[in-house]
Protein backbone atom coordinates (compact mmCIF):
# COMPACT_ATOMS: atom_id res chain seq x y z
CA MET A 1 -29.62 -70.49 91.39
CA SER A 2 -27.20 -71.69 88.73
CA SER A 3 -30.14 -73.00 86.75
CA LYS A 4 -31.67 -69.54 86.70
CA GLN A 5 -28.36 -67.98 85.63
CA GLU A 6 -27.95 -70.57 82.87
CA ARG A 7 -31.48 -69.87 81.70
CA GLU A 8 -30.88 -66.11 81.60
CA ALA A 9 -27.58 -66.64 79.79
CA ARG A 10 -29.36 -68.85 77.25
CA ILE A 11 -32.09 -66.22 76.78
CA HIS A 12 -29.43 -63.53 76.32
CA ALA A 13 -27.61 -65.68 73.74
CA LEU A 14 -30.86 -66.33 71.84
CA LEU A 15 -31.75 -62.65 71.85
CA SER A 16 -28.32 -61.73 70.49
CA ASP A 17 -28.72 -64.41 67.77
CA ILE A 18 -32.12 -62.97 66.85
CA GLN A 19 -30.66 -59.47 66.68
CA GLN A 20 -27.86 -60.68 64.39
CA GLN A 21 -30.37 -62.47 62.14
CA ARG A 22 -32.42 -59.28 61.89
CA LEU A 23 -29.32 -57.34 60.87
CA ASP A 24 -28.47 -59.99 58.26
CA LEU A 25 -32.02 -59.88 56.87
CA SER A 26 -31.88 -56.10 56.68
CA ALA A 27 -28.57 -56.20 54.79
CA GLY A 28 -29.91 -58.89 52.44
CA ARG A 29 -33.04 -56.84 51.77
CA ARG A 30 -30.94 -53.78 50.95
CA ASP A 31 -28.73 -55.78 48.56
CA PHE A 32 -31.78 -57.34 46.90
CA LEU A 33 -33.44 -53.96 46.39
CA GLN A 34 -30.24 -52.51 44.93
CA SER A 35 -29.84 -55.39 42.49
CA THR A 36 -33.47 -55.26 41.31
CA ALA A 37 -33.81 -51.45 41.17
CA HIS A 38 -33.27 -51.43 37.39
CA TYR A 39 -36.14 -53.88 36.84
CA ASP A 40 -38.38 -51.98 39.23
CA ARG A 41 -37.84 -48.73 37.32
CA GLY A 42 -38.60 -50.50 34.04
CA TRP A 43 -41.77 -52.01 35.45
CA LEU A 44 -42.95 -48.65 36.77
CA THR A 45 -42.22 -47.07 33.39
CA PHE A 46 -44.27 -49.79 31.70
CA LEU A 47 -47.14 -49.25 34.11
CA SER A 48 -47.09 -45.51 33.50
CA MET A 49 -47.18 -46.09 29.73
CA ARG A 50 -49.96 -48.69 29.86
CA ARG A 51 -52.67 -46.18 28.92
CA TYR A 52 -50.72 -45.00 25.87
CA LEU A 53 -49.98 -48.58 24.81
CA ALA A 54 -53.70 -49.40 24.93
CA ILE A 55 -54.54 -46.38 22.78
CA GLY A 56 -51.71 -47.15 20.35
CA SER A 57 -52.67 -50.80 19.99
CA SER A 58 -56.28 -49.83 19.32
CA ALA A 59 -55.20 -47.35 16.64
CA LEU A 60 -52.88 -49.98 15.15
CA ALA A 61 -55.72 -52.51 15.03
CA ILE A 62 -57.98 -50.07 13.22
CA TRP A 63 -55.21 -49.09 10.79
CA SER A 64 -54.37 -52.74 10.06
CA VAL A 65 -57.99 -53.50 9.21
CA ARG A 66 -58.24 -50.50 6.90
CA SER A 67 -54.98 -51.15 5.01
CA PRO A 68 -53.70 -54.70 5.60
CA ASN A 69 -51.09 -54.58 2.79
CA LYS A 70 -49.34 -51.54 4.24
CA PHE A 71 -49.49 -53.10 7.69
CA MET A 72 -47.92 -56.38 6.51
CA ARG A 73 -45.18 -54.49 4.66
CA LEU A 74 -44.43 -52.44 7.77
CA LEU A 75 -44.48 -55.57 9.91
CA LYS A 76 -41.97 -57.31 7.62
CA ARG A 77 -39.68 -54.29 7.67
CA GLY A 78 -39.87 -54.12 11.44
CA PHE A 79 -39.01 -57.79 11.72
CA GLY A 80 -36.08 -57.28 9.33
CA VAL A 81 -34.75 -54.37 11.38
CA TRP A 82 -35.14 -56.38 14.59
CA SER A 83 -33.32 -59.38 13.08
CA THR A 84 -30.53 -57.15 11.81
CA TRP A 85 -30.18 -55.56 15.25
CA ARG A 86 -29.92 -58.99 16.89
CA MET A 87 -27.28 -60.10 14.38
CA VAL A 88 -25.19 -56.94 14.86
CA LYS A 89 -25.53 -57.18 18.63
CA ALA A 90 -24.37 -60.81 18.57
CA ALA A 91 -21.43 -59.95 16.29
CA LEU A 92 -20.14 -57.15 18.51
CA PRO A 93 -17.91 -58.14 21.42
CA PRO A 94 -19.51 -57.77 24.85
CA ARG A 95 -18.48 -54.80 26.92
């Protein structure tokens, strides 16, 4: 009989370990979803804008073929603004 009681005690201990592991996994999942919520929202925003990005890139391709000088000038200005932004951002102290 003691063998049967030991077996049931072992089963009960294993079941309580499994229950604790499930609770830990649930808490870890919640923490993971909270920490990645910002990226998920950004990804969903990108997916919702995909149609407009395709239309805009097509229009930009047509415009760049029709007036390449204007496009190159605009591209250089955009790169200059982006470089300036990076420099200012690096010079400012982090929050």
